[in-house]
Amino acid sequence: MAELTARRVLTAQAVLVGGAVLALLIREIPALVREIRIWRMADLGSGSRHPR
């Protein structure tokens, strides 16, 4: 019986941590999109150096 209770506690903790990570990711999506747009506008990709 104790094993079942411990398993339930671990499952509940995993669900809470997963939910917190998902909420944080959803909250940060607009900032990530904005950063991607900035990088695209700056065109700082791997071959974008100006010739001298």
C-alpha atoms as a PDB file:
ATOM      1  CA  MET A   1       0.000   0.000   0.000  1.00  0.00           C
ATOM      2  CA  ALA A   2       2.867   2.407   0.738  1.00  0.00           C
ATOM      3  CA  GLU A   3       4.287   1.789  -2.733  1.00  0.00           C
ATOM      4  CA  LEU A   4       1.019   2.840  -4.331  1.00  0.00           C
ATOM      5  CA  THR A   5       0.934   6.027  -2.256  1.00  0.00           C
ATOM      6  CA  ALA A   6       4.541   6.858  -3.134  1.00  0.00           C
ATOM      7  CA  ARG A   7       3.800   6.274  -6.800  1.00  0.00           C
ATOM      8  CA  ARG A   8       0.796   8.597  -6.599  1.00  0.00           C
ATOM      9  CA  VAL A   9       2.901  11.301  -4.946  1.00  0.00           C
ATOM     10  CA  LEU A  10       5.600  11.003  -7.614  1.00  0.00           C
ATOM     11  CA  THR A  11       2.985  11.102 -10.369  1.00  0.00           C
ATOM     12  CA  ALA A  12       1.380  14.193  -8.847  1.00  0.00           C
ATOM     13  CA  GLN A  13       4.763  15.904  -8.579  1.00  0.00           C
ATOM     14  CA  ALA A  14       5.579  15.061 -12.199  1.00  0.00           C
ATOM     15  CA  VAL A  15       2.235  16.485 -13.324  1.00  0.00           C
ATOM     16  CA  LEU A  16       2.791  19.687 -11.341  1.00  0.00           C
ATOM     17  CA  VAL A  17       6.323  20.186 -12.640  1.00  0.00           C
ATOM     18  CA  GLY A  18       5.230  19.436 -16.203  1.00  0.00           C
ATOM     19  CA  GLY A  19       2.362  21.899 -15.903  1.00  0.00           C
ATOM     20  CA  ALA A  20       4.667  24.592 -14.542  1.00  0.00           C
ATOM     21  CA  VAL A  21       7.152  24.075 -17.395  1.00  0.00           C
ATOM     22  CA  LEU A  22       4.345  24.167 -19.960  1.00  0.00           C
ATOM     23  CA  ALA A  23       2.898  27.355 -18.453  1.00  0.00           C
ATOM     24  CA  LEU A  24       6.322  29.021 -18.488  1.00  0.00           C
ATOM     25  CA  LEU A  25       6.884  28.011 -22.108  1.00  0.00           C
ATOM     26  CA  ILE A  26       3.477  29.326 -23.175  1.00  0.00           C
ATOM     27  CA  ARG A  27       4.138  32.568 -21.305  1.00  0.00           C
ATOM     28  CA  GLU A  28       7.508  33.043 -23.037  1.00  0.00           C
ATOM     29  CA  ILE A  29       6.403  32.253 -26.613  1.00  0.00           C
ATOM     30  CA  PRO A  30       5.779  35.925 -27.583  1.00  0.00           C
ATOM     31  CA  ALA A  31       9.249  36.896 -26.355  1.00  0.00           C
ATOM     32  CA  LEU A  32      10.828  34.017 -28.287  1.00  0.00           C
ATOM     33  CA  VAL A  33       9.006  35.026 -31.465  1.00  0.00           C
ATOM     34  CA  ARG A  34      10.186  38.608 -30.992  1.00  0.00           C
ATOM     35  CA  GLU A  35      13.784  37.461 -30.536  1.00  0.00           C
ATOM     36  CA  ILE A  36      13.597  35.328 -33.690  1.00  0.00           C
ATOM     37  CA  ARG A  37      12.325  38.328 -35.653  1.00  0.00           C
ATOM     38  CA  ILE A  38      15.158  40.494 -34.331  1.00  0.00           C
ATOM     39  CA  TRP A  39      17.749  37.893 -35.352  1.00  0.00           C
ATOM     40  CA  ARG A  40      16.212  37.642 -38.817  1.00  0.00           C
ATOM     41  CA  MET A  41      16.194  41.415 -39.277  1.00  0.00           C
ATOM     42  CA  ALA A  42      19.807  41.670 -38.115  1.00  0.00           C
ATOM     43  CA  ASP A  43      20.687  38.796 -40.458  1.00  0.00           C
ATOM     44  CA  LEU A  44      23.416  37.509 -38.189  1.00  0.00           C
ATOM     45  CA  GLY A  45      23.420  34.030 -39.670  1.00  0.00           C
ATOM     46  CA  SER A  46      26.475  31.924 -40.338  1.00  0.00           C
ATOM     47  CA  GLY A  47      27.528  33.432 -43.665  1.00  0.00           C
ATOM     48  CA  SER A  48      26.401  37.010 -43.374  1.00  0.00           C
ATOM     49  CA  ARG A  49      29.670  38.853 -42.806  1.00  0.00           C
ATOM     50  CA  HIS A  50      30.249  41.773 -45.112  1.00  0.00           C
ATOM     51  CA  PRO A  51      33.274  41.500 -47.401  1.00  0.00           C
ATOM     52  CA  ARG A  52      36.141  43.866 -46.652  1.00  0.00           C
END
